[in-house]
Structure formats: C-alpha cells, structure tokens
Amino acid sequence: MFDETSDPKVHLRTYCDKLVGVVKDERIRMKLFMRSLTGDALSWYISQNQKKWVNWASMASDFMDQFKFNTKNAPDVFYIQNLKKKPMETFREYATRWRSVAAKVRPALEEEQMNKFFVRAQDPQYYERLMVIENYKFSDIIKLGERIEEGIKSGMVTNFKAL
C-alpha cells in the first residue's frame, strides 16, 4: 500500500511485479492501481479525471510527478544519526523503526555502515556497551540492546539520564 510517505518509484515497481498475469492488459492494471493506495494518495487518485490517462505510462507519470517529493526527501546519514528512541518505545521497537528509516537512505548504506551509525545514535548507557559489537549482525546488536534495557529497568545497569 502506498500512503504518500514512501518512494513512488518503488511502489510502482512492486505493484507491477505483483500483477504478473495482468501486466499485458493496461486497463485492468490501471483500474486495480487504486487498490494499492491509501490515505492522501488514494484521495489524490480519486480526485483525478481518469479519462486523461490514455495508458499506464501516462497514469504512472502523473503519479510520479505528484509524489516525487518523497524521493527527494529521503533521509540522510545526519538524520538517522539523530533518530532517537522515544520514551515509551522498547529498544526492539526503536531498532526496527530506525532500521526501516535507515533503509531509505540514498545512496544505500552497507550493513556495516548501518550498524555503526545505529550504535553511534545511541544514548551513552547503550553506546558504551554496543560499540564493542558494532561489526556484528544487526540482530545481535538488538539482542544486546534489549539486555541493556532490562539491566537499566532492574537497576543493574546505570542509566546516565537518571543521574
């Protein structure tokens, strides 16, 4: 589903990939496209005079023009380095959200770069413990982060913010 916040080019490509058997019939592809939209993107589609779209290419072009700002607003390294954990968010929820945003950085980051940026984005009580494993898998970093979180909650790990 495209909700106006992701990359429209990626949406068009995945939409077409899902319609393998329908790809040859542009009219069906164009009619079904509405079902892949939600929120403001769906409102935009419904408000269009669909008779102006003579083929899939013209509709896809209008769609790209309308939502191209998303491709120019991709997060950068500075943004992900400053993406912090929300107060009521668990470490795993935060790491998942952070990784999802980091995956949108262009040019794409290598796994090792992503891990280093994630570790560097942490508060001190996490950073000092996670930096020793920043070259490990992201899933290992999450596991250790959860253990640190449990340690903070139980009082076994000092929470620098609480001091």
C-alpha atoms as a PDB file:
ATOM      1  CA  MET A   1       0.000   0.000   0.000  1.00  0.00           C
ATOM      2  CA  PHE A   2       1.229   3.474  -0.873  1.00  0.00           C
ATOM      3  CA  ASP A   3       0.309   6.099   1.721  1.00  0.00           C
ATOM      4  CA  GLU A   4       2.143   9.111   0.272  1.00  0.00           C
ATOM      5  CA  THR A   5       5.159   8.711   2.560  1.00  0.00           C
ATOM      6  CA  SER A   6       7.269   6.181   0.671  1.00  0.00           C
ATOM      7  CA  ASP A   7       9.087   6.226  -2.656  1.00  0.00           C
ATOM      8  CA  PRO A   8       6.552   6.281  -5.534  1.00  0.00           C
ATOM      9  CA  LYS A   9       9.014   4.626  -7.917  1.00  0.00           C
ATOM     10  CA  VAL A  10       9.420   1.678  -5.557  1.00  0.00           C
ATOM     11  CA  HIS A  11       5.643   1.433  -5.213  1.00  0.00           C
ATOM     12  CA  LEU A  12       5.089   1.364  -8.983  1.00  0.00           C
ATOM     13  CA  ARG A  13       7.722  -1.313  -9.434  1.00  0.00           C
ATOM     14  CA  THR A  14       6.401  -3.574  -6.666  1.00  0.00           C
ATOM     15  CA  TYR A  15       2.822  -3.021  -7.848  1.00  0.00           C
ATOM     16  CA  CYS A  16       3.712  -4.151 -11.373  1.00  0.00           C
ATOM     17  CA  ASP A  17       5.684  -7.120 -10.033  1.00  0.00           C
ATOM     18  CA  LYS A  18       2.599  -8.297  -8.126  1.00  0.00           C
ATOM     19  CA  LEU A  19       0.463  -8.183 -11.266  1.00  0.00           C
ATOM     20  CA  VAL A  20       2.500 -10.622 -13.317  1.00  0.00           C
ATOM     21  CA  GLY A  21      -0.511 -12.136 -15.138  1.00  0.00           C
ATOM     22  CA  VAL A  22      -2.268  -8.791 -15.672  1.00  0.00           C
ATOM     23  CA  VAL A  23       0.702  -6.797 -16.950  1.00  0.00           C
ATOM     24  CA  LYS A  24      -0.382  -7.097 -20.590  1.00  0.00           C
ATOM     25  CA  ASP A  25      -3.802  -5.515 -20.027  1.00  0.00           C
ATOM     26  CA  GLU A  26      -3.155  -1.867 -19.131  1.00  0.00           C
ATOM     27  CA  ARG A  27      -6.826  -1.102 -18.445  1.00  0.00           C
ATOM     28  CA  ILE A  28      -7.012  -3.722 -15.697  1.00  0.00           C
ATOM     29  CA  ARG A  29      -3.659  -2.639 -14.273  1.00  0.00           C
ATOM     30  CA  MET A  30      -4.875   0.964 -14.171  1.00  0.00           C
ATOM     31  CA  LYS A  31      -8.196   0.060 -12.524  1.00  0.00           C
ATOM     32  CA  LEU A  32      -6.531  -2.117  -9.883  1.00  0.00           C
ATOM     33  CA  PHE A  33      -3.944   0.540  -9.069  1.00  0.00           C
ATOM     34  CA  MET A  34      -6.428   2.360  -6.845  1.00  0.00           C
ATOM     35  CA  ARG A  35      -6.484  -0.678  -4.539  1.00  0.00           C
ATOM     36  CA  SER A  36      -2.783  -0.208  -3.821  1.00  0.00           C
ATOM     37  CA  LEU A  37      -3.283   3.326  -2.448  1.00  0.00           C
ATOM     38  CA  THR A  38      -4.389   4.603   0.928  1.00  0.00           C
ATOM     39  CA  GLY A  39      -4.872   7.920   2.728  1.00  0.00           C
ATOM     40  CA  ASP A  40      -3.935  11.074   0.834  1.00  0.00           C
ATOM     41  CA  ALA A  41      -2.582   9.069  -2.094  1.00  0.00           C
ATOM     42  CA  LEU A  42      -5.992   7.461  -2.563  1.00  0.00           C
ATOM     43  CA  SER A  43      -7.695  10.850  -2.247  1.00  0.00           C
ATOM     44  CA  TRP A  44      -5.390  12.225  -4.934  1.00  0.00           C
ATOM     45  CA  TYR A  45      -6.163   9.328  -7.265  1.00  0.00           C
ATOM     46  CA  ILE A  46      -9.932   9.618  -6.807  1.00  0.00           C
ATOM     47  CA  SER A  47      -9.843  13.373  -7.449  1.00  0.00           C
ATOM     48  CA  GLN A  48      -8.186  12.877 -10.855  1.00  0.00           C
ATOM     49  CA  ASN A  49     -10.034  12.857 -14.157  1.00  0.00           C
ATOM     50  CA  GLN A  50      -9.094   9.335 -15.124  1.00  0.00           C
ATOM     51  CA  LYS A  51     -10.069   9.905 -18.763  1.00  0.00           C
ATOM     52  CA  LYS A  52      -6.887  11.948 -19.168  1.00  0.00           C
ATOM     53  CA  TRP A  53      -4.847   8.805 -18.655  1.00  0.00           C
ATOM     54  CA  VAL A  54      -4.713   7.163 -22.060  1.00  0.00           C
ATOM     55  CA  ASN A  55      -2.373   4.422 -20.901  1.00  0.00           C
ATOM     56  CA  TRP A  56      -0.439   3.081 -17.925  1.00  0.00           C
ATOM     57  CA  ALA A  57       2.588   5.255 -18.707  1.00  0.00           C
ATOM     58  CA  SER A  58       0.570   8.483 -18.515  1.00  0.00           C
ATOM     59  CA  MET A  59      -1.012   7.474 -15.210  1.00  0.00           C
ATOM     60  CA  ALA A  60       2.320   6.335 -13.750  1.00  0.00           C
ATOM     61  CA  SER A  61       3.923   9.596 -14.899  1.00  0.00           C
ATOM     62  CA  ASP A  62       1.246  11.689 -13.152  1.00  0.00           C
ATOM     63  CA  PHE A  63       1.631   9.546 -10.025  1.00  0.00           C
ATOM     64  CA  MET A  64       5.408  10.074 -10.025  1.00  0.00           C
ATOM     65  CA  ASP A  65       5.000  13.824 -10.572  1.00  0.00           C
ATOM     66  CA  GLN A  66       2.563  14.079  -7.680  1.00  0.00           C
ATOM     67  CA  PHE A  67       4.692  12.159  -5.189  1.00  0.00           C
ATOM     68  CA  LYS A  68       8.248  12.761  -6.411  1.00  0.00           C
ATOM     69  CA  PHE A  69       8.950  14.908  -3.365  1.00  0.00           C
ATOM     70  CA  ASN A  70       9.245  11.643  -1.421  1.00  0.00           C
ATOM     71  CA  THR A  71      12.285  10.629  -3.445  1.00  0.00           C
ATOM     72  CA  LYS A  72      13.934  13.994  -2.774  1.00  0.00           C
ATOM     73  CA  ASN A  73      13.093  13.849   0.935  1.00  0.00           C
ATOM     74  CA  ALA A  74      14.857  10.573   1.582  1.00  0.00           C
ATOM     75  CA  PRO A  75      16.571  10.536   4.972  1.00  0.00           C
ATOM     76  CA  ASP A  76      20.314  11.099   5.017  1.00  0.00           C
ATOM     77  CA  VAL A  77      23.059   9.934   7.351  1.00  0.00           C
ATOM     78  CA  PHE A  78      22.714  13.036   9.536  1.00  0.00           C
ATOM     79  CA  TYR A  79      19.002  12.309  10.019  1.00  0.00           C
ATOM     80  CA  ILE A  80      19.475   8.677  11.095  1.00  0.00           C
ATOM     81  CA  GLN A  81      22.326   9.604  13.445  1.00  0.00           C
ATOM     82  CA  ASN A  82      19.894  11.880  15.268  1.00  0.00           C
ATOM     83  CA  LEU A  83      16.935   9.487  15.293  1.00  0.00           C
ATOM     84  CA  LYS A  84      16.454   8.739  18.991  1.00  0.00           C
ATOM     85  CA  LYS A  85      14.442   6.234  20.980  1.00  0.00           C
ATOM     86  CA  LYS A  86      11.036   7.510  22.083  1.00  0.00           C
ATOM     87  CA  PRO A  87      10.312   7.394  25.836  1.00  0.00           C
ATOM     88  CA  MET A  88       7.629   4.689  25.658  1.00  0.00           C
ATOM     89  CA  GLU A  89       9.333   2.662  22.911  1.00  0.00           C
ATOM     90  CA  THR A  90      11.155  -0.593  23.631  1.00  0.00           C
ATOM     91  CA  PHE A  91      14.668  -0.976  22.328  1.00  0.00           C
ATOM     92  CA  ARG A  92      13.477  -3.537  19.758  1.00  0.00           C
ATOM     93  CA  GLU A  93      10.702  -1.234  18.517  1.00  0.00           C
ATOM     94  CA  TYR A  94      13.179   1.612  18.249  1.00  0.00           C
ATOM     95  CA  ALA A  95      15.771  -0.506  16.435  1.00  0.00           C
ATOM     96  CA  THR A  96      13.130  -1.726  13.979  1.00  0.00           C
ATOM     97  CA  ARG A  97      11.926   1.825  13.319  1.00  0.00           C
ATOM     98  CA  TRP A  98      15.488   3.090  12.989  1.00  0.00           C
ATOM     99  CA  ARG A  99      16.425   0.289  10.559  1.00  0.00           C
ATOM    100  CA  SER A 100      13.333   0.963   8.470  1.00  0.00           C
ATOM    101  CA  VAL A 101      14.269   4.635   8.127  1.00  0.00           C
ATOM    102  CA  ALA A 102      17.958   3.823   7.503  1.00  0.00           C
ATOM    103  CA  ALA A 103      16.959   1.515   4.641  1.00  0.00           C
ATOM    104  CA  LYS A 104      15.609   4.592   2.829  1.00  0.00           C
ATOM    105  CA  VAL A 105      18.934   6.475   2.926  1.00  0.00           C
ATOM    106  CA  ARG A 106      20.306   7.155  -0.562  1.00  0.00           C
ATOM    107  CA  PRO A 107      22.828   6.095  -1.598  1.00  0.00           C
ATOM    108  CA  ALA A 108      22.094   2.891   0.258  1.00  0.00           C
ATOM    109  CA  LEU A 109      24.278   2.042   3.228  1.00  0.00           C
ATOM    110  CA  GLU A 110      26.230  -1.172   3.576  1.00  0.00           C
ATOM    111  CA  GLU A 111      25.313  -3.377   6.547  1.00  0.00           C
ATOM    112  CA  GLU A 112      28.478  -2.437   8.450  1.00  0.00           C
ATOM    113  CA  GLN A 113      27.896   1.288   7.911  1.00  0.00           C
ATOM    114  CA  MET A 114      24.293   0.968   9.049  1.00  0.00           C
ATOM    115  CA  ASN A 115      25.346  -0.813  12.245  1.00  0.00           C
ATOM    116  CA  LYS A 116      27.973   1.831  13.047  1.00  0.00           C
ATOM    117  CA  PHE A 117      25.505   4.671  12.521  1.00  0.00           C
ATOM    118  CA  PHE A 118      22.934   2.880  14.676  1.00  0.00           C
ATOM    119  CA  VAL A 119      25.375   2.367  17.543  1.00  0.00           C
ATOM    120  CA  ARG A 120      26.556   5.985  17.301  1.00  0.00           C
ATOM    121  CA  ALA A 121      22.940   7.178  17.537  1.00  0.00           C
ATOM    122  CA  GLN A 122      22.541   5.608  20.997  1.00  0.00           C
ATOM    123  CA  ASP A 123      22.429   7.297  24.377  1.00  0.00           C
ATOM    124  CA  PRO A 124      25.637   6.848  26.437  1.00  0.00           C
ATOM    125  CA  GLN A 125      24.496   3.871  28.537  1.00  0.00           C
ATOM    126  CA  TYR A 126      23.774   1.936  25.333  1.00  0.00           C
ATOM    127  CA  TYR A 127      26.602   3.318  23.211  1.00  0.00           C
ATOM    128  CA  GLU A 128      29.431   2.373  25.546  1.00  0.00           C
ATOM    129  CA  ARG A 129      28.203  -1.229  25.643  1.00  0.00           C
ATOM    130  CA  LEU A 130      27.147  -1.621  21.993  1.00  0.00           C
ATOM    131  CA  MET A 131      30.230  -0.081  20.374  1.00  0.00           C
ATOM    132  CA  VAL A 132      32.222  -3.264  21.001  1.00  0.00           C
ATOM    133  CA  ILE A 133      29.850  -5.254  18.769  1.00  0.00           C
ATOM    134  CA  GLU A 134      29.055  -2.695  16.049  1.00  0.00           C
ATOM    135  CA  ASN A 135      30.631  -5.049  13.472  1.00  0.00           C
ATOM    136  CA  TYR A 136      28.261  -7.879  14.422  1.00  0.00           C
ATOM    137  CA  LYS A 137      24.883  -8.587  12.833  1.00  0.00           C
ATOM    138  CA  PHE A 138      22.129  -6.052  13.464  1.00  0.00           C
ATOM    139  CA  SER A 139      20.085  -8.770  15.173  1.00  0.00           C
ATOM    140  CA  ASP A 140      22.938  -9.296  17.673  1.00  0.00           C
ATOM    141  CA  ILE A 141      23.020  -5.570  18.386  1.00  0.00           C
ATOM    142  CA  ILE A 142      19.268  -5.652  19.069  1.00  0.00           C
ATOM    143  CA  LYS A 143      19.668  -8.600  21.455  1.00  0.00           C
ATOM    144  CA  LEU A 144      22.379  -6.845  23.443  1.00  0.00           C
ATOM    145  CA  GLY A 145      20.366  -3.608  23.410  1.00  0.00           C
ATOM    146  CA  GLU A 146      17.420  -5.470  24.925  1.00  0.00           C
ATOM    147  CA  ARG A 147      19.680  -6.915  27.631  1.00  0.00           C
ATOM    148  CA  ILE A 148      20.977  -3.426  28.422  1.00  0.00           C
ATOM    149  CA  GLU A 149      17.380  -2.172  28.539  1.00  0.00           C
ATOM    150  CA  GLU A 150      16.464  -4.920  31.011  1.00  0.00           C
ATOM    151  CA  GLY A 151      19.546  -4.074  33.067  1.00  0.00           C
ATOM    152  CA  ILE A 152      18.530  -0.429  33.232  1.00  0.00           C
ATOM    153  CA  LYS A 153      14.987  -1.349  34.291  1.00  0.00           C
ATOM    154  CA  SER A 154      16.255  -3.711  37.004  1.00  0.00           C
ATOM    155  CA  GLY A 155      18.880  -1.249  38.240  1.00  0.00           C
ATOM    156  CA  MET A 156      21.812  -3.485  37.288  1.00  0.00           C
ATOM    157  CA  VAL A 157      22.953  -1.059  34.560  1.00  0.00           C
ATOM    158  CA  THR A 158      23.376   2.614  35.392  1.00  0.00           C
ATOM    159  CA  ASN A 159      21.012   4.848  33.462  1.00  0.00           C
ATOM    160  CA  PHE A 160      23.003   8.036  32.892  1.00  0.00           C
ATOM    161  CA  LYS A 161      19.805  10.005  32.241  1.00  0.00           C
ATOM    162  CA  ALA A 162      18.511   9.165  35.708  1.00  0.00           C
ATOM    163  CA  LEU A 163      21.602  10.590  37.431  1.00  0.00           C
END
